[in-house]
PDB file of N, CA and C in Angstrom:
ATOM      1  N   MET A   1      74.331  33.750  15.111  1.00  0.00           N
ATOM      2  CA  MET A   1      75.400  32.898  14.660  1.00  0.00           C
ATOM      3  C   MET A   1      76.448  32.799  15.765  1.00  0.00           C
ATOM      4  N   GLN A   2      77.029  31.615  15.940  1.00  0.00           N
ATOM      5  CA  GLN A   2      77.999  31.398  17.001  1.00  0.00           C
ATOM      6  C   GLN A   2      79.418  31.362  16.452  1.00  0.00           C
ATOM      7  N   LEU A   3      80.363  31.589  17.356  1.00  0.00           N
ATOM      8  CA  LEU A   3      81.769  31.469  17.014  1.00  0.00           C
ATOM      9  C   LEU A   3      82.255  30.094  17.440  1.00  0.00           C
ATOM     10  N   SER A   4      83.100  29.494  16.637  1.00  0.00           N
ATOM     11  CA  SER A   4      83.728  28.222  16.981  1.00  0.00           C
ATOM     12  C   SER A   4      85.221  28.461  17.158  1.00  0.00           C
ATOM     13  N   SER A   5      85.886  27.536  17.831  1.00  0.00           N
ATOM     14  CA  SER A   5      87.322  27.672  18.069  1.00  0.00           C
ATOM     15  C   SER A   5      88.117  27.208  16.863  1.00  0.00           C
ATOM     16  N   LEU A   6      89.149  27.941  16.563  1.00  0.00           N
ATOM     17  CA  LEU A   6      90.091  27.549  15.522  1.00  0.00           C
ATOM     18  C   LEU A   6      91.125  26.662  16.196  1.00  0.00           C
ATOM     19  N   ARG A   7      91.225  25.416  15.768  1.00  0.00           N
ATOM     20  CA  ARG A   7      92.088  24.458  16.456  1.00  0.00           C
ATOM     21  C   ARG A   7      93.121  23.877  15.509  1.00  0.00           C
ATOM     22  N   GLY A   8      94.240  23.507  16.085  1.00  0.00           N
ATOM     23  CA  GLY A   8      95.299  22.838  15.342  1.00  0.00           C
ATOM     24  C   GLY A   8      96.419  23.775  14.954  1.00  0.00           C
ATOM     25  N   ARG A   9      97.640  23.352  15.233  1.00  0.00           N
ATOM     26  CA  ARG A   9      98.802  24.171  14.936  1.00  0.00           C
ATOM     27  C   ARG A   9      98.929  24.445  13.441  1.00  0.00           C
ATOM     28  N   LYS A  10      98.731  23.423  12.616  1.00  0.00           N
ATOM     29  CA  LYS A  10      98.868  23.605  11.167  1.00  0.00           C
ATOM     30  C   LYS A  10      97.812  24.556  10.618  1.00  0.00           C
ATOM     31  N   THR A  11      96.609  24.451  11.133  1.00  0.00           N
ATOM     32  CA  THR A  11      95.529  25.331  10.677  1.00  0.00           C
ATOM     33  C   THR A  11      95.838  26.782  11.030  1.00  0.00           C
ATOM     34  N   VAL A  12      96.287  27.007  12.264  1.00  0.00           N
ATOM     35  CA  VAL A  12      96.603  28.368  12.709  1.00  0.00           C
ATOM     36  C   VAL A  12      97.768  28.933  11.899  1.00  0.00           C
ATOM     37  N   GLU A  13      98.796  28.127  11.670  1.00  0.00           N
ATOM     38  CA  GLU A  13      99.939  28.594  10.879  1.00  0.00           C
ATOM     39  C   GLU A  13      99.528  28.927   9.441  1.00  0.00           C
ATOM     40  N   ARG A  14      98.647  28.124   8.869  1.00  0.00           N
ATOM     41  CA  ARG A  14      98.175  28.385   7.510  1.00  0.00           C
ATOM     42  C   ARG A  14      97.432  29.716   7.438  1.00  0.00           C
ATOM     43  N   VAL A  15      96.588  29.983   8.428  1.00  0.00           N
ATOM     44  CA  VAL A  15      95.853  31.258   8.452  1.00  0.00           C
ATOM     45  C   VAL A  15      96.827  32.417   8.623  1.00  0.00           C
ATOM     46  N   ARG A  16      97.803  32.269   9.497  1.00  0.00           N
ATOM     47  CA  ARG A  16      98.750  33.358   9.749  1.00  0.00           C
ATOM     48  C   ARG A  16      99.599  33.681   8.528  1.00  0.00           C
ATOM     49  N   HIS A  17     100.005  32.643   7.775  1.00  0.00           N
ATOM     50  CA  HIS A  17     100.921  32.871   6.656  1.00  0.00           C
ATOM     51  C   HIS A  17     100.216  33.166   5.337  1.00  0.00           C
ATOM     52  N   LYS A  18      99.066  32.561   5.109  1.00  0.00           N
ATOM     53  CA  LYS A  18      98.397  32.719   3.818  1.00  0.00           C
ATOM     54  C   LYS A  18      97.160  33.597   3.878  1.00  0.00           C
ATOM     55  N   GLY A  19      96.774  34.030   5.074  1.00  0.00           N
ATOM     56  CA  GLY A  19      95.547  34.798   5.223  1.00  0.00           C
ATOM     57  C   GLY A  19      95.696  36.255   4.826  1.00  0.00           C
ATOM     58  N   GLN A  20      94.563  36.894   4.674  1.00  0.00           N
ATOM     59  CA  GLN A  20      94.524  38.322   4.389  1.00  0.00           C
ATOM     60  C   GLN A  20      94.306  39.064   5.699  1.00  0.00           C
ATOM     61  N   CYS A  21      94.765  40.298   5.750  1.00  0.00           N
ATOM     62  CA  CYS A  21      94.757  41.030   7.011  1.00  0.00           C
ATOM     63  C   CYS A  21      93.794  42.216   6.969  1.00  0.00           C
ATOM     64  N   PHE A  22      93.057  42.382   8.060  1.00  0.00           N
ATOM     65  CA  PHE A  22      92.239  43.571   8.282  1.00  0.00           C
ATOM     66  C   PHE A  22      92.832  44.274   9.492  1.00  0.00           C
ATOM     67  N   ARG A  23      93.165  45.540   9.342  1.00  0.00           N
ATOM     68  CA  ARG A  23      93.764  46.287  10.445  1.00  0.00           C
ATOM     69  C   ARG A  23      92.753  47.291  10.985  1.00  0.00           C
ATOM     70  N   GLY A  24      92.304  47.039  12.198  1.00  0.00           N
ATOM     71  CA  GLY A  24      91.408  47.962  12.872  1.00  0.00           C
ATOM     72  C   GLY A  24      92.203  48.854  13.810  1.00  0.00           C
ATOM     73  N   GLN A  25      91.520  49.733  14.488  1.00  0.00           N
ATOM     74  CA  GLN A  25      92.189  50.644  15.406  1.00  0.00           C
ATOM     75  C   GLN A  25      92.700  49.915  16.644  1.00  0.00           C
ATOM     76  N   HIS A  26      91.966  48.907  17.109  1.00  0.00           N
ATOM     77  CA  HIS A  26      92.330  48.219  18.347  1.00  0.00           C
ATOM     78  C   HIS A  26      92.620  46.738  18.168  1.00  0.00           C
ATOM     79  N   MET A  27      92.478  46.209  16.949  1.00  0.00           N
ATOM     80  CA  MET A  27      92.793  44.803  16.707  1.00  0.00           C
ATOM     81  C   MET A  27      93.110  44.579  15.235  1.00  0.00           C
ATOM     82  N   HIS A  28      93.938  43.579  14.991  1.00  0.00           N
ATOM     83  CA  HIS A  28      94.211  43.106  13.640  1.00  0.00           C
ATOM     84  C   HIS A  28      93.524  41.758  13.503  1.00  0.00           C
ATOM     85  N   VAL A  29      92.964  41.494  12.334  1.00  0.00           N
ATOM     86  CA  VAL A  29      92.324  40.205  12.081  1.00  0.00           C
ATOM     87  C   VAL A  29      92.916  39.635  10.801  1.00  0.00           C
ATOM     88  N   THR A  30      93.474  38.435  10.903  1.00  0.00           N
ATOM     89  CA  THR A  30      93.965  37.711   9.740  1.00  0.00           C
ATOM     90  C   THR A  30      92.962  36.615   9.439  1.00  0.00           C
ATOM     91  N   TYR A  31      92.537  36.498   8.175  1.00  0.00           N
ATOM     92  CA  TYR A  31      91.453  35.568   7.876  1.00  0.00           C
ATOM     93  C   TYR A  31      91.657  34.869   6.540  1.00  0.00           C
ATOM     94  N   ILE A  32      91.035  33.690   6.436  1.00  0.00           N
ATOM     95  CA  ILE A  32      90.944  32.925   5.193  1.00  0.00           C
ATOM     96  C   ILE A  32      89.492  32.506   5.047  1.00  0.00           C
ATOM     97  N   LEU A  33      88.922  32.727   3.879  1.00  0.00           N
ATOM     98  CA  LEU A  33      87.563  32.259   3.621  1.00  0.00           C
ATOM     99  C   LEU A  33      87.595  30.760   3.365  1.00  0.00           C
ATOM    100  N   GLY A  34      86.628  30.038   3.916  1.00  0.00           N
ATOM    101  CA  GLY A  34      86.537  28.595   3.713  1.00  0.00           C
ATOM    102  C   GLY A  34      86.902  27.830   4.968  1.00  0.00           C
ATOM    103  N   ALA A  35      86.636  26.526   4.947  1.00  0.00           N
ATOM    104  CA  ALA A  35      86.908  25.655   6.091  1.00  0.00           C
ATOM    105  C   ALA A  35      88.353  25.182   6.052  1.00  0.00           C
ATOM    106  N   SER A  36      88.811  24.648   7.168  1.00  0.00           N
ATOM    107  CA  SER A  36      90.139  24.056   7.192  1.00  0.00           C
ATOM    108  C   SER A  36      90.130  22.799   6.333  1.00  0.00           C
ATOM    109  N   ARG A  37      91.273  22.417   5.866  1.00  0.00           N
ATOM    110  CA  ARG A  37      91.360  21.246   4.992  1.00  0.00           C
ATOM    111  C   ARG A  37      90.881  19.990   5.701  1.00  0.00           C
ATOM    112  N   ARG A  38      91.134  19.930   6.988  1.00  0.00           N
ATOM    113  CA  ARG A  38      90.769  18.745   7.756  1.00  0.00           C
ATOM    114  C   ARG A  38      89.275  18.668   7.999  1.00  0.00           C
ATOM    115  N   GLY A  39      88.597  19.811   8.101  1.00  0.00           N
ATOM    116  CA  GLY A  39      87.200  19.808   8.485  1.00  0.00           C
ATOM    117  C   GLY A  39      86.226  20.173   7.393  1.00  0.00           C
ATOM    118  N   VAL A  40      86.600  20.012   6.133  1.00  0.00           N
ATOM    119  CA  VAL A  40      85.743  20.438   5.024  1.00  0.00           C
ATOM    120  C   VAL A  40      84.398  19.731   5.047  1.00  0.00           C
ATOM    121  N   ALA A  41      84.373  18.429   5.270  1.00  0.00           N
ATOM    122  CA  ALA A  41      83.119  17.675   5.182  1.00  0.00           C
ATOM    123  C   ALA A  41      82.269  17.801   6.440  1.00  0.00           C
ATOM    124  N   ARG A  42      82.877  18.189   7.553  1.00  0.00           N
ATOM    125  CA  ARG A  42      82.150  18.163   8.816  1.00  0.00           C
ATOM    126  C   ARG A  42      81.326  19.411   9.093  1.00  0.00           C
ATOM    127  N   TYR A  43      81.676  20.536   8.508  1.00  0.00           N
ATOM    128  CA  TYR A  43      81.078  21.792   8.926  1.00  0.00           C
ATOM    129  C   TYR A  43      80.053  22.314   7.931  1.00  0.00           C
ATOM    130  N   ALA A  44      79.142  23.105   8.456  1.00  0.00           N
ATOM    131  CA  ALA A  44      78.132  23.762   7.630  1.00  0.00           C
ATOM    132  C   ALA A  44      78.810  24.836   6.774  1.00  0.00           C
ATOM    133  N   PRO A  45      78.157  25.322   5.726  1.00  0.00           N
ATOM    134  CA  PRO A  45      78.779  26.305   4.848  1.00  0.00           C
ATOM    135  C   PRO A  45      78.849  27.716   5.431  1.00  0.00           C
ATOM    136  N   THR A  46      78.415  27.916   6.652  1.00  0.00           N
ATOM    137  CA  THR A  46      78.533  29.229   7.283  1.00  0.00           C
ATOM    138  C   THR A  46      79.137  29.066   8.667  1.00  0.00           C
ATOM    139  N   GLY A  47      79.752  30.116   9.161  1.00  0.00           N
ATOM    140  CA  GLY A  47      80.300  30.093  10.507  1.00  0.00           C
ATOM    141  C   GLY A  47      81.685  30.706  10.550  1.00  0.00           C
ATOM    142  N   LEU A  48      82.099  31.075  11.747  1.00  0.00           N
ATOM    143  CA  LEU A  48      83.413  31.659  11.953  1.00  0.00           C
ATOM    144  C   LEU A  48      84.196  30.789  12.928  1.00  0.00           C
ATOM    145  N   PHE A  49      85.419  30.459  12.561  1.00  0.00           N
ATOM    146  CA  PHE A  49      86.329  29.732  13.430  1.00  0.00           C
ATOM    147  C   PHE A  49      87.373  30.739  13.890  1.00  0.00           C
ATOM    148  N   VAL A  50      87.416  31.012  15.191  1.00  0.00           N
ATOM    149  CA  VAL A  50      88.193  32.125  15.728  1.00  0.00           C
ATOM    150  C   VAL A  50      89.295  31.631  16.650  1.00  0.00           C
ATOM    151  N   GLY A  51      90.487  32.163  16.444  1.00  0.00           N
ATOM    152  CA  GLY A  51      91.603  31.968  17.348  1.00  0.00           C
ATOM    153  C   GLY A  51      92.136  33.333  17.745  1.00  0.00           C
ATOM    154  N   THR A  52      92.832  33.403  18.867  1.00  0.00           N
ATOM    155  CA  THR A  52      93.419  34.673  19.293  1.00  0.00           C
ATOM    156  C   THR A  52      94.909  34.482  19.520  1.00  0.00           C
ATOM    157  N   ALA A  53      95.666  35.547  19.320  1.00  0.00           N
ATOM    158  CA  ALA A  53      97.107  35.516  19.542  1.00  0.00           C
ATOM    159  C   ALA A  53      97.510  36.840  20.169  1.00  0.00           C
ATOM    160  N   ALA A  54      98.191  36.764  21.303  1.00  0.00           N
ATOM    161  CA  ALA A  54      98.680  37.972  21.966  1.00  0.00           C
ATOM    162  C   ALA A  54     100.069  37.668  22.518  1.00  0.00           C
ATOM    163  N   SER A  55     101.091  38.269  21.939  1.00  0.00           N
ATOM    164  CA  SER A  55     102.457  37.979  22.357  1.00  0.00           C
ATOM    165  C   SER A  55     102.832  38.797  23.588  1.00  0.00           C
ATOM    166  N   THR A  56     103.968  38.451  24.172  1.00  0.00           N
ATOM    167  CA  THR A  56     104.430  39.175  25.355  1.00  0.00           C
ATOM    168  C   THR A  56     104.883  40.589  25.008  1.00  0.00           C
ATOM    169  N   LYS A  57     105.008  40.915  23.720  1.00  0.00           N
ATOM    170  CA  LYS A  57     105.333  42.288  23.332  1.00  0.00           C
ATOM    171  C   LYS A  57     104.200  43.242  23.700  1.00  0.00           C
ATOM    172  N   LEU A  58     102.970  42.730  23.730  1.00  0.00           N
ATOM    173  CA  LEU A  58     101.832  43.577  24.092  1.00  0.00           C
ATOM    174  C   LEU A  58     101.925  44.014  25.542  1.00  0.00           C
ATOM    175  N   ASP A  59     102.126  43.051  26.417  1.00  0.00           N
ATOM    176  CA  ASP A  59     102.230  43.325  27.844  1.00  0.00           C
ATOM    177  C   ASP A  59     102.874  42.120  28.499  1.00  0.00           C
ATOM    178  N   LYS A  60     103.682  42.353  29.506  1.00  0.00           N
ATOM    179  CA  LYS A  60     104.330  41.224  30.175  1.00  0.00           C
ATOM    180  C   LYS A  60     103.366  40.450  31.051  1.00  0.00           C
ATOM    181  N   SER A  61     102.311  41.095  31.478  1.00  0.00           N
ATOM    182  CA  SER A  61     101.342  40.457  32.363  1.00  0.00           C
ATOM    183  C   SER A  61     100.384  39.573  31.564  1.00  0.00           C
ATOM    184  N   ALA A  62     100.365  38.289  31.897  1.00  0.00           N
ATOM    185  CA  ALA A  62      99.460  37.354  31.221  1.00  0.00           C
ATOM    186  C   ALA A  62      98.005  37.715  31.494  1.00  0.00           C
ATOM    187  N   VAL A  63      97.731  38.257  32.665  1.00  0.00           N
ATOM    188  CA  VAL A  63      96.366  38.649  33.012  1.00  0.00           C
ATOM    189  C   VAL A  63      95.870  39.724  32.045  1.00  0.00           C
ATOM    190  N   LYS A  64      96.707  40.708  31.763  1.00  0.00           N
ATOM    191  CA  LYS A  64      96.313  41.787  30.849  1.00  0.00           C
ATOM    192  C   LYS A  64      96.186  41.285  29.416  1.00  0.00           C
ATOM    193  N   ARG A  65      97.108  40.403  28.987  1.00  0.00           N
ATOM    194  CA  ARG A  65      97.009  39.845  27.630  1.00  0.00           C
ATOM    195  C   ARG A  65      95.728  39.036  27.469  1.00  0.00           C
ATOM    196  N   ASN A  66      95.393  38.245  28.477  1.00  0.00           N
ATOM    197  CA  ASN A  66      94.163  37.452  28.410  1.00  0.00           C
ATOM    198  C   ASN A  66      92.931  38.342  28.400  1.00  0.00           C
ATOM    199  N   ARG A  67      92.968  39.453  29.122  1.00  0.00           N
ATOM    200  CA  ARG A  67      91.845  40.390  29.118  1.00  0.00           C
ATOM    201  C   ARG A  67      91.679  41.008  27.725  1.00  0.00           C
ATOM    202  N   MET A  68      92.796  41.332  27.075  1.00  0.00           N
ATOM    203  CA  MET A  68      92.729  41.859  25.703  1.00  0.00           C
ATOM    204  C   MET A  68      92.090  40.836  24.771  1.00  0.00           C
ATOM    205  N   ARG A  69      92.516  39.580  24.890  1.00  0.00           N
ATOM    206  CA  ARG A  69      91.947  38.510  24.057  1.00  0.00           C
ATOM    207  C   ARG A  69      90.447  38.383  24.278  1.00  0.00           C
ATOM    208  N   ARG A  70      90.050  38.331  25.543  1.00  0.00           N
ATOM    209  CA  ARG A  70      88.629  38.145  25.868  1.00  0.00           C
ATOM    210  C   ARG A  70      87.787  39.307  25.376  1.00  0.00           C
ATOM    211  N   ARG A  71      88.272  40.531  25.531  1.00  0.00           N
ATOM    212  CA  ARG A  71      87.503  41.702  25.094  1.00  0.00           C
ATOM    213  C   ARG A  71      87.317  41.701  23.577  1.00  0.00           C
ATOM    214  N   CYS A  72      88.370  41.384  22.834  1.00  0.00           N
ATOM    215  CA  CYS A  72      88.267  41.372  21.368  1.00  0.00           C
ATOM    216  C   CYS A  72      87.350  40.253  20.895  1.00  0.00           C
ATOM    217  N   ARG A  73      87.468  39.077  21.493  1.00  0.00           N
ATOM    218  CA  ARG A  73      86.610  37.958  21.090  1.00  0.00           C
ATOM    219  C   ARG A  73      85.146  38.250  21.420  1.00  0.00           C
ATOM    220  N   GLU A  74      84.898  38.859  22.573  1.00  0.00           N
ATOM    221  CA  GLU A  74      83.521  39.188  22.959  1.00  0.00           C
ATOM    222  C   GLU A  74      82.938  40.252  22.033  1.00  0.00           C
ATOM    223  N   ALA A  75      83.741  41.231  21.647  1.00  0.00           N
ATOM    224  CA  ALA A  75      83.259  42.250  20.705  1.00  0.00           C
ATOM    225  C   ALA A  75      82.875  41.604  19.378  1.00  0.00           C
ATOM    226  N   LEU A  76      83.690  40.664  18.913  1.00  0.00           N
ATOM    227  CA  LEU A  76      83.357  39.969  17.669  1.00  0.00           C
ATOM    228  C   LEU A  76      82.099  39.126  17.845  1.00  0.00           C
ATOM    229  N   ARG A  77      81.968  38.462  18.980  1.00  0.00           N
ATOM    230  CA  ARG A  77      80.783  37.630  19.231  1.00  0.00           C
ATOM    231  C   ARG A  77      79.511  38.471  19.207  1.00  0.00           C
ATOM    232  N   LEU A  78      79.552  39.641  19.836  1.00  0.00           N
ATOM    233  CA  LEU A  78      78.373  40.511  19.858  1.00  0.00           C
ATOM    234  C   LEU A  78      78.080  41.100  18.478  1.00  0.00           C
ATOM    235  N   ALA A  79      79.118  41.355  17.694  1.00  0.00           N
ATOM    236  CA  ALA A  79      78.906  41.887  16.347  1.00  0.00           C
ATOM    237  C   ALA A  79      78.328  40.821  15.417  1.00  0.00           C
ATOM    238  N   VAL A  80      78.694  39.565  15.630  1.00  0.00           N
ATOM    239  CA  VAL A  80      78.242  38.465  14.775  1.00  0.00           C
ATOM    240  C   VAL A  80      76.835  38.018  15.135  1.00  0.00           C
ATOM    241  N   LYS A  81      76.447  38.195  16.382  1.00  0.00           N
ATOM    242  CA  LYS A  81      75.174  37.664  16.891  1.00  0.00           C
ATOM    243  C   LYS A  81      73.960  38.023  16.031  1.00  0.00           C
ATOM    244  N   PRO A  82      73.751  39.279  15.627  1.00  0.00           N
ATOM    245  CA  PRO A  82      72.555  39.589  14.824  1.00  0.00           C
ATOM    246  C   PRO A  82      72.657  39.182  13.353  1.00  0.00           C
ATOM    247  N   GLU A  83      73.844  38.814  12.899  1.00  0.00           N
ATOM    248  CA  GLU A  83      74.028  38.456  11.487  1.00  0.00           C
ATOM    249  C   GLU A  83      73.330  37.139  11.178  1.00  0.00           C
ATOM    250  N   LYS A  84      72.633  37.102  10.066  1.00  0.00           N
ATOM    251  CA  LYS A  84      71.954  35.874   9.637  1.00  0.00           C
ATOM    252  C   LYS A  84      72.904  34.967   8.865  1.00  0.00           C
ATOM    253  N   THR A  85      73.615  35.537   7.908  1.00  0.00           N
ATOM    254  CA  THR A  85      74.522  34.728   7.102  1.00  0.00           C
ATOM    255  C   THR A  85      75.887  35.383   7.038  1.00  0.00           C
ATOM    256  N   LEU A  86      76.889  34.580   7.246  1.00  0.00           N
ATOM    257  CA  LEU A  86      78.273  34.989   7.065  1.00  0.00           C
ATOM    258  C   LEU A  86      78.981  33.859   6.330  1.00  0.00           C
ATOM    259  N   PRO A  87      80.000  34.172   5.566  1.00  0.00           N
ATOM    260  CA  PRO A  87      80.717  33.100   4.882  1.00  0.00           C
ATOM    261  C   PRO A  87      81.503  32.256   5.886  1.00  0.00           C
ATOM    262  N   LEU A  88      81.782  31.025   5.521  1.00  0.00           N
ATOM    263  CA  LEU A  88      82.628  30.163   6.332  1.00  0.00           C
ATOM    264  C   LEU A  88      84.026  30.759   6.315  1.00  0.00           C
ATOM    265  N   CYS A  89      84.570  31.012   7.489  1.00  0.00           N
ATOM    266  CA  CYS A  89      85.810  31.769   7.565  1.00  0.00           C
ATOM    267  C   CYS A  89      86.621  31.317   8.771  1.00  0.00           C
ATOM    268  N   GLN A  90      87.947  31.271   8.611  1.00  0.00           N
ATOM    269  CA  GLN A  90      88.858  31.013   9.715  1.00  0.00           C
ATOM    270  C   GLN A  90      89.594  32.316   9.985  1.00  0.00           C
ATOM    271  N   LEU A  91      89.679  32.712  11.236  1.00  0.00           N
ATOM    272  CA  LEU A  91      90.352  33.973  11.514  1.00  0.00           C
ATOM    273  C   LEU A  91      91.116  33.942  12.823  1.00  0.00           C
ATOM    274  N   ILE A  92      92.132  34.785  12.879  1.00  0.00           N
ATOM    275  CA  ILE A  92      92.933  34.961  14.085  1.00  0.00           C
ATOM    276  C   ILE A  92      92.863  36.428  14.463  1.00  0.00           C
ATOM    277  N   ILE A  93      92.467  36.683  15.698  1.00  0.00           N
ATOM    278  CA  ILE A  93      92.398  38.047  16.219  1.00  0.00           C
ATOM    279  C   ILE A  93      93.685  38.332  16.981  1.00  0.00           C
ATOM    280  N   VAL A  94      94.341  39.433  16.632  1.00  0.00           N
ATOM    281  CA  VAL A  94      95.529  39.879  17.353  1.00  0.00           C
ATOM    282  C   VAL A  94      95.202  41.242  17.953  1.00  0.00           C
ATOM    283  N   PRO A  95      94.977  41.302  19.269  1.00  0.00           N
ATOM    284  CA  PRO A  95      94.642  42.592  19.875  1.00  0.00           C
ATOM    285  C   PRO A  95      95.849  43.520  19.901  1.00  0.00           C
ATOM    286  N   ARG A  96      95.595  44.811  19.880  1.00  0.00           N
ATOM    287  CA  ARG A  96      96.647  45.804  20.062  1.00  0.00           C
ATOM    288  C   ARG A  96      96.613  46.255  21.515  1.00  0.00           C
ATOM    289  N   SER A  97      97.677  46.868  21.962  1.00  0.00           N
ATOM    290  CA  SER A  97      97.759  47.261  23.368  1.00  0.00           C
ATOM    291  C   SER A  97      96.678  48.272  23.740  1.00  0.00           C
ATOM    292  N   SER A  98      96.182  49.027  22.760  1.00  0.00           N
ATOM    293  CA  SER A  98      95.127  50.003  23.040  1.00  0.00           C
ATOM    294  C   SER A  98      93.796  49.331  23.376  1.00  0.00           C
ATOM    295  N   SER A  99      93.648  48.039  23.042  1.00  0.00           N
ATOM    296  CA  SER A  99      92.377  47.348  23.297  1.00  0.00           C
ATOM    297  C   SER A  99      92.115  47.148  24.784  1.00  0.00           C
ATOM    298  N   LEU A 100      93.138  47.281  25.603  1.00  0.00           N
ATOM    299  CA  LEU A 100      92.962  47.109  27.045  1.00  0.00           C
ATOM    300  C   LEU A 100      92.314  48.333  27.681  1.00  0.00           C
ATOM    301  N   GLN A 101      92.647  49.528  27.203  1.00  0.00           N
ATOM    302  CA  GLN A 101      92.187  50.761  27.832  1.00  0.00           C
ATOM    303  C   GLN A 101      90.986  51.406  27.145  1.00  0.00           C
ATOM    304  N   CYS A 102      90.703  51.024  25.918  1.00  0.00           N
ATOM    305  CA  CYS A 102      89.652  51.712  25.166  1.00  0.00           C
ATOM    306  C   CYS A 102      88.258  51.309  25.652  1.00  0.00           C
ATOM    307  N   ASP A 103      87.268  52.104  25.263  1.00  0.00           N
ATOM    308  CA  ASP A 103      85.878  51.753  25.554  1.00  0.00           C
ATOM    309  C   ASP A 103      85.501  50.515  24.759  1.00  0.00           C
ATOM    310  N   PHE A 104      84.598  49.732  25.323  1.00  0.00           N
ATOM    311  CA  PHE A 104      84.168  48.512  24.647  1.00  0.00           C
ATOM    312  C   PHE A 104      83.443  48.839  23.346  1.00  0.00           C
ATOM    313  N   GLU A 105      82.772  49.990  23.294  1.00  0.00           N
ATOM    314  CA  GLU A 105      82.066  50.396  22.073  1.00  0.00           C
ATOM    315  C   GLU A 105      83.031  50.565  20.897  1.00  0.00           C
ATOM    316  N   GLU A 106      84.255  51.021  21.179  1.00  0.00           N
ATOM    317  CA  GLU A 106      85.244  51.164  20.112  1.00  0.00           C
ATOM    318  C   GLU A 106      85.678  49.802  19.585  1.00  0.00           C
ATOM    319  N   LEU A 107      85.817  48.830  20.482  1.00  0.00           N
ATOM    320  CA  LEU A 107      86.131  47.464  20.047  1.00  0.00           C
ATOM    321  C   LEU A 107      84.999  46.899  19.203  1.00  0.00           C
ATOM    322  N   LEU A 108      83.777  47.171  19.626  1.00  0.00           N
ATOM    323  CA  LEU A 108      82.607  46.702  18.887  1.00  0.00           C
ATOM    324  C   LEU A 108      82.569  47.335  17.493  1.00  0.00           C
ATOM    325  N   LYS A 109      82.950  48.604  17.409  1.00  0.00           N
ATOM    326  CA  LYS A 109      82.991  49.293  16.118  1.00  0.00           C
ATOM    327  C   LYS A 109      84.038  48.656  15.199  1.00  0.00           C
ATOM    328  N   ASP A 110      85.202  48.283  15.753  1.00  0.00           N
ATOM    329  CA  ASP A 110      86.221  47.580  14.972  1.00  0.00           C
ATOM    330  C   ASP A 110      85.705  46.237  14.466  1.00  0.00           C
ATOM    331  N   ALA A 111      85.010  45.501  15.327  1.00  0.00           N
ATOM    332  CA  ALA A 111      84.482  44.186  14.944  1.00  0.00           C
ATOM    333  C   ALA A 111      83.440  44.326  13.836  1.00  0.00           C
ATOM    334  N   LYS A 112      82.575  45.329  13.939  1.00  0.00           N
ATOM    335  CA  LYS A 112      81.568  45.546  12.895  1.00  0.00           C
ATOM    336  C   LYS A 112      82.218  45.977  11.585  1.00  0.00           C
ATOM    337  N   ALA A 113      83.281  46.766  11.678  1.00  0.00           N
ATOM    338  CA  ALA A 113      84.008  47.167  10.468  1.00  0.00           C
ATOM    339  C   ALA A 113      84.637  45.946   9.799  1.00  0.00           C
ATOM    340  N   PHE A 114      85.153  45.009  10.604  1.00  0.00           N
ATOM    341  CA  PHE A 114      85.709  43.780  10.030  1.00  0.00           C
ATOM    342  C   PHE A 114      84.631  42.970   9.330  1.00  0.00           C
ATOM    343  N   LEU A 115      83.453  42.852   9.940  1.00  0.00           N
ATOM    344  CA  LEU A 115      82.379  42.073   9.321  1.00  0.00           C
ATOM    345  C   LEU A 115      81.933  42.689   7.997  1.00  0.00           C
ATOM    346  N   SER A 116      81.858  44.015   7.929  1.00  0.00           N
ATOM    347  CA  SER A 116      81.474  44.644   6.661  1.00  0.00           C
ATOM    348  C   SER A 116      82.582  44.446   5.621  1.00  0.00           C
ATOM    349  N   HIS A 117      83.837  44.484   6.059  1.00  0.00           N
ATOM    350  CA  HIS A 117      84.962  44.202   5.162  1.00  0.00           C
ATOM    351  C   HIS A 117      84.875  42.768   4.643  1.00  0.00           C
ATOM    352  N   LEU A 118      84.529  41.842   5.516  1.00  0.00           N
ATOM    353  CA  LEU A 118      84.410  40.431   5.143  1.00  0.00           C
ATOM    354  C   LEU A 118      83.286  40.220   4.135  1.00  0.00           C
ATOM    355  N   GLN A 119      82.153  40.890   4.334  1.00  0.00           N
ATOM    356  CA  GLN A 119      81.031  40.776   3.396  1.00  0.00           C
ATOM    357  C   GLN A 119      81.419  41.324   2.021  1.00  0.00           C
ATOM    358  N   ARG A 120      82.125  42.470   2.000  1.00  0.00           N
ATOM    359  CA  ARG A 120      82.577  43.045   0.727  1.00  0.00           C
ATOM    360  C   ARG A 120      83.554  42.106   0.027  1.00  0.00           C
ATOM    361  N   HIS A 121      84.487  41.556   0.795  1.00  0.00           N
ATOM    362  CA  HIS A 121      85.492  40.653   0.231  1.00  0.00           C
ATOM    363  C   HIS A 121      84.834  39.398  -0.334  1.00  0.00           C
ATOM    364  N   LYS A 122      83.842  38.882   0.363  1.00  0.00           N
ATOM    365  CA  LYS A 122      83.121  37.689  -0.094  1.00  0.00           C
ATOM    366  C   LYS A 122      82.389  37.980  -1.399  1.00  0.00           C
ATOM    367  N   SER A 123      81.749  39.145  -1.490  1.00  0.00           N
ATOM    368  CA  SER A 123      80.998  39.472  -2.708  1.00  0.00           C
ATOM    369  C   SER A 123      81.936  39.683  -3.896  1.00  0.00           C
ATOM    370  N   ILE A 124      83.126  40.209  -3.655  1.00  0.00           N
ATOM    371  CA  ILE A 124      84.098  40.388  -4.739  1.00  0.00           C
ATOM    372  C   ILE A 124      84.549  39.029  -5.264  1.00  0.00           C
ATOM    373  N   ILE A 125      84.821  38.098  -4.360  1.00  0.00           N
ATOM    374  CA  ILE A 125      85.271  36.766  -4.768  1.00  0.00           C
ATOM    375  C   ILE A 125      84.167  36.020  -5.500  1.00  0.00           C
ATOM    376  N   SER A 126      82.932  36.121  -5.019  1.00  0.00           N
ATOM    377  CA  SER A 126      81.838  35.383  -5.654  1.00  0.00           C
ATOM    378  C   SER A 126      81.497  35.942  -7.038  1.00  0.00           C
ATOM    379  N   ASN A 127      81.820  37.217  -7.299  1.00  0.00           N
ATOM    380  CA  ASN A 127      81.551  37.807  -8.613  1.00  0.00           C
ATOM    381  C   ASN A 127      82.603  37.435  -9.650  1.00  0.00           C
ATOM    382  N   GLN A 128      83.754  36.945  -9.217  1.00  0.00           N
ATOM    383  CA  GLN A 128      84.827  36.614 -10.167  1.00  0.00           C
ATOM    384  C   GLN A 128      84.593  35.290 -10.830  1.00  0.00           C
TER     385      GLN A 128
END
């Protein structure tokens, strides 16, 4: 399964304000199940739309902030790759400052923990 980009200021703001939060050791993930209002008819019923946010509070160096973003997104991409089915979801990854220095395996463990959390959350909603 591939990751798609989360686009649009309104879409990102909606996810940030109305989404649910998963707090990992090296990243926070805010997510909403379902497609954006604008793209409901265009997209398949599965897939992840991913955006990243890293403020200057993390680090003043843009190079380091971008490295944090890339590492977290890549960890999520590798965790999603073997998955056959995932719910349609919009999410924003916010790396923590520890994501720059930690082993990549720890980031991968956080991403896998988020995916298992997402599967549990999806099953709870579908049972209601």
